[in-house]
Amino acid sequence: MLLTSCDGFFTEKEVYGAYSPVDYKNNFDTIQLMPHNIYRRKVYDKNKKLLLDMKGKWELENNINVHFEPFYLNLDDDLVEFPNKVSDTTGGWGGRLEIHKRIVHFCVGYDVSSNCYRKIK
């Protein structure tokens, strides 16, 4: 796939695909951005037990930001000890899309430098 987003702007087709968190240690999370602004999300604890399987809406805002509704803000929680954390899926979150080392990624949450997802090739 050729990314034409050198100017910092993205098309929906460029951001379609699956994303996984960078450097999570306590759980595993995937977000799949699909056509028609649907996303699917699966969150597993570190024992590979599926705790969240949901669908929601995503939107590309100003060709640079991705917004999710509803959204579970995963802060690399210890979901073995606190499995109920995944039940908080109210509200929405978003992040800025960027390309790093030719891979699309975005970060969400309070500290956007540590809550990042990268596109899986």
C-alpha atoms as a PDB file:
ATOM      1  CA  MET A   1       0.000   0.000   0.000  1.00  0.00           C
ATOM      2  CA  LEU A   2       1.312   3.433  -0.890  1.00  0.00           C
ATOM      3  CA  LEU A   3       0.687   6.146   1.674  1.00  0.00           C
ATOM      4  CA  THR A   4       0.200   9.510   0.065  1.00  0.00           C
ATOM      5  CA  SER A   5      -0.076  11.402   3.323  1.00  0.00           C
ATOM      6  CA  CYS A   6       3.204  13.277   3.085  1.00  0.00           C
ATOM      7  CA  ASP A   7       1.348  16.519   3.723  1.00  0.00           C
ATOM      8  CA  GLY A   8      -0.082  15.183   6.982  1.00  0.00           C
ATOM      9  CA  PHE A   9      -3.583  14.492   5.682  1.00  0.00           C
ATOM     10  CA  PHE A  10      -5.219  11.087   5.314  1.00  0.00           C
ATOM     11  CA  THR A  11      -8.064   9.544   3.358  1.00  0.00           C
ATOM     12  CA  GLU A  12     -10.397   7.011   4.945  1.00  0.00           C
ATOM     13  CA  LYS A  13      -8.984   4.249   2.745  1.00  0.00           C
ATOM     14  CA  GLU A  14      -5.476   4.961   4.039  1.00  0.00           C
ATOM     15  CA  VAL A  15      -6.517   4.424   7.642  1.00  0.00           C
ATOM     16  CA  TYR A  16      -8.603   1.267   7.101  1.00  0.00           C
ATOM     17  CA  GLY A  17      -7.022  -1.714   8.813  1.00  0.00           C
ATOM     18  CA  ALA A  18      -6.130  -3.205  12.172  1.00  0.00           C
ATOM     19  CA  TYR A  19      -4.180  -1.412  14.896  1.00  0.00           C
ATOM     20  CA  SER A  20      -2.531  -2.759  18.025  1.00  0.00           C
ATOM     21  CA  PRO A  21      -1.073  -0.965  21.037  1.00  0.00           C
ATOM     22  CA  VAL A  22       2.590  -0.101  21.287  1.00  0.00           C
ATOM     23  CA  ASP A  23       4.411  -1.446  24.362  1.00  0.00           C
ATOM     24  CA  TYR A  24       1.438  -2.732  26.365  1.00  0.00           C
ATOM     25  CA  LYS A  25       2.431  -5.268  29.024  1.00  0.00           C
ATOM     26  CA  ASN A  26      -0.793  -5.995  30.950  1.00  0.00           C
ATOM     27  CA  ASN A  27      -3.237  -6.672  28.114  1.00  0.00           C
ATOM     28  CA  PHE A  28      -3.620  -6.891  24.349  1.00  0.00           C
ATOM     29  CA  ASP A  29      -5.960  -4.750  22.319  1.00  0.00           C
ATOM     30  CA  THR A  30      -6.899  -4.523  18.642  1.00  0.00           C
ATOM     31  CA  ILE A  31      -8.897  -1.841  16.868  1.00  0.00           C
ATOM     32  CA  GLN A  32      -9.993  -2.502  13.295  1.00  0.00           C
ATOM     33  CA  LEU A  33     -11.135   0.495  11.252  1.00  0.00           C
ATOM     34  CA  MET A  34     -13.554  -0.632   8.556  1.00  0.00           C
ATOM     35  CA  PRO A  35     -15.524   1.064   5.762  1.00  0.00           C
ATOM     36  CA  HIS A  36     -18.797   2.842   6.561  1.00  0.00           C
ATOM     37  CA  ASN A  37     -17.190   4.285   9.718  1.00  0.00           C
ATOM     38  CA  ILE A  38     -17.513   1.059  11.710  1.00  0.00           C
ATOM     39  CA  TYR A  39     -14.784  -0.135  14.030  1.00  0.00           C
ATOM     40  CA  ARG A  40     -14.404  -3.428  15.844  1.00  0.00           C
ATOM     41  CA  ARG A  41     -12.437  -3.777  19.019  1.00  0.00           C
ATOM     42  CA  LYS A  42     -11.196  -6.750  20.985  1.00  0.00           C
ATOM     43  CA  VAL A  43      -9.405  -6.534  24.338  1.00  0.00           C
ATOM     44  CA  TYR A  44      -7.711  -9.497  25.995  1.00  0.00           C
ATOM     45  CA  ASP A  45      -6.099  -9.787  29.412  1.00  0.00           C
ATOM     46  CA  LYS A  46      -2.475 -10.950  29.649  1.00  0.00           C
ATOM     47  CA  ASN A  47      -3.710 -14.554  29.924  1.00  0.00           C
ATOM     48  CA  LYS A  48      -5.290 -14.148  26.456  1.00  0.00           C
ATOM     49  CA  LYS A  49      -8.841 -14.202  27.803  1.00  0.00           C
ATOM     50  CA  LEU A  50     -11.205 -12.121  25.646  1.00  0.00           C
ATOM     51  CA  LEU A  51     -12.848  -9.490  27.854  1.00  0.00           C
ATOM     52  CA  LEU A  52     -14.268  -7.025  25.337  1.00  0.00           C
ATOM     53  CA  ASP A  53     -15.628  -7.565  21.828  1.00  0.00           C
ATOM     54  CA  MET A  54     -17.445  -4.486  20.608  1.00  0.00           C
ATOM     55  CA  LYS A  55     -18.366  -2.452  17.566  1.00  0.00           C
ATOM     56  CA  GLY A  56     -18.653   1.289  17.371  1.00  0.00           C
ATOM     57  CA  LYS A  57     -18.413   4.240  15.022  1.00  0.00           C
ATOM     58  CA  TRP A  58     -15.252   6.026  13.976  1.00  0.00           C
ATOM     59  CA  GLU A  59     -14.838   9.266  12.091  1.00  0.00           C
ATOM     60  CA  LEU A  60     -11.962  10.905  10.260  1.00  0.00           C
ATOM     61  CA  GLU A  61     -12.030  14.555  11.342  1.00  0.00           C
ATOM     62  CA  ASN A  62     -10.283  17.195   9.235  1.00  0.00           C
ATOM     63  CA  ASN A  63      -8.385  14.387   7.475  1.00  0.00           C
ATOM     64  CA  ILE A  64      -5.958  14.187  10.422  1.00  0.00           C
ATOM     65  CA  ASN A  65      -7.825  13.083  13.581  1.00  0.00           C
ATOM     66  CA  VAL A  66      -9.645   9.849  14.262  1.00  0.00           C
ATOM     67  CA  HIS A  67     -12.558   9.859  16.718  1.00  0.00           C
ATOM     68  CA  PHE A  68     -14.247   6.798  18.267  1.00  0.00           C
ATOM     69  CA  GLU A  69     -17.713   6.526  19.777  1.00  0.00           C
ATOM     70  CA  PRO A  70     -18.182   4.701  22.141  1.00  0.00           C
ATOM     71  CA  PHE A  71     -14.695   3.961  23.394  1.00  0.00           C
ATOM     72  CA  TYR A  72     -12.938   2.096  26.192  1.00  0.00           C
ATOM     73  CA  LEU A  73      -9.870   4.086  27.221  1.00  0.00           C
ATOM     74  CA  ASN A  74      -7.319   1.338  27.689  1.00  0.00           C
ATOM     75  CA  LEU A  75      -4.432   2.548  29.831  1.00  0.00           C
ATOM     76  CA  ASP A  76      -2.685  -0.851  29.776  1.00  0.00           C
ATOM     77  CA  ASP A  77      -4.790  -1.811  32.768  1.00  0.00           C
ATOM     78  CA  ASP A  78      -4.174  -5.041  34.664  1.00  0.00           C
ATOM     79  CA  LEU A  79      -7.331  -6.752  33.424  1.00  0.00           C
ATOM     80  CA  VAL A  80      -6.627 -10.007  35.255  1.00  0.00           C
ATOM     81  CA  GLU A  81      -7.019  -8.186  38.559  1.00  0.00           C
ATOM     82  CA  PHE A  82      -9.556  -5.598  37.340  1.00  0.00           C
ATOM     83  CA  PRO A  83     -11.564  -7.213  34.490  1.00  0.00           C
ATOM     84  CA  ASN A  84     -14.541  -4.879  34.986  1.00  0.00           C
ATOM     85  CA  LYS A  85     -12.547  -1.892  33.702  1.00  0.00           C
ATOM     86  CA  VAL A  86     -13.479  -2.865  30.141  1.00  0.00           C
ATOM     87  CA  SER A  87     -17.150  -2.230  30.911  1.00  0.00           C
ATOM     88  CA  ASP A  88     -16.564   1.546  30.806  1.00  0.00           C
ATOM     89  CA  THR A  89     -17.250   2.177  27.123  1.00  0.00           C
ATOM     90  CA  THR A  90     -19.316   5.346  27.425  1.00  0.00           C
ATOM     91  CA  GLY A  91     -18.186   8.518  25.781  1.00  0.00           C
ATOM     92  CA  GLY A  92     -15.702   8.882  23.003  1.00  0.00           C
ATOM     93  CA  TRP A  93     -12.019   9.490  22.452  1.00  0.00           C
ATOM     94  CA  GLY A  94      -9.863  10.497  19.571  1.00  0.00           C
ATOM     95  CA  GLY A  95      -6.315  11.001  18.484  1.00  0.00           C
ATOM     96  CA  ARG A  96      -4.155  12.502  15.793  1.00  0.00           C
ATOM     97  CA  LEU A  97      -3.092  10.241  12.936  1.00  0.00           C
ATOM     98  CA  GLU A  98       0.597  10.308  12.063  1.00  0.00           C
ATOM     99  CA  ILE A  99       3.092   8.303  10.073  1.00  0.00           C
ATOM    100  CA  HIS A 100       6.168   7.052  11.918  1.00  0.00           C
ATOM    101  CA  LYS A 101       8.682   4.877  10.048  1.00  0.00           C
ATOM    102  CA  ARG A 102       6.133   4.514   7.222  1.00  0.00           C
ATOM    103  CA  ILE A 103       3.483   3.086   9.587  1.00  0.00           C
ATOM    104  CA  VAL A 104       0.224   4.873  10.439  1.00  0.00           C
ATOM    105  CA  HIS A 105      -0.360   5.327  14.145  1.00  0.00           C
ATOM    106  CA  PHE A 106      -2.452   7.355  16.576  1.00  0.00           C
ATOM    107  CA  CYS A 107      -2.374   8.029  20.306  1.00  0.00           C
ATOM    108  CA  VAL A 108      -5.339   8.547  22.659  1.00  0.00           C
ATOM    109  CA  GLY A 109      -5.932   9.335  26.297  1.00  0.00           C
ATOM    110  CA  TYR A 110      -4.585  11.681  28.902  1.00  0.00           C
ATOM    111  CA  ASP A 111      -0.909  11.093  28.120  1.00  0.00           C
ATOM    112  CA  VAL A 112      -0.902  10.717  24.360  1.00  0.00           C
ATOM    113  CA  SER A 113       2.779   9.833  24.294  1.00  0.00           C
ATOM    114  CA  SER A 114       2.162   6.495  26.020  1.00  0.00           C
ATOM    115  CA  ASN A 115      -1.203   5.318  24.706  1.00  0.00           C
ATOM    116  CA  CYS A 116      -0.382   4.681  21.077  1.00  0.00           C
ATOM    117  CA  TYR A 117      -1.667   2.225  18.487  1.00  0.00           C
ATOM    118  CA  ARG A 118       0.113   1.334  15.265  1.00  0.00           C
ATOM    119  CA  LYS A 119      -1.262  -0.170  12.114  1.00  0.00           C
ATOM    120  CA  ILE A 120      -0.564  -3.868  11.698  1.00  0.00           C
ATOM    121  CA  LYS A 121       0.794  -4.607   8.252  1.00  0.00           C
END
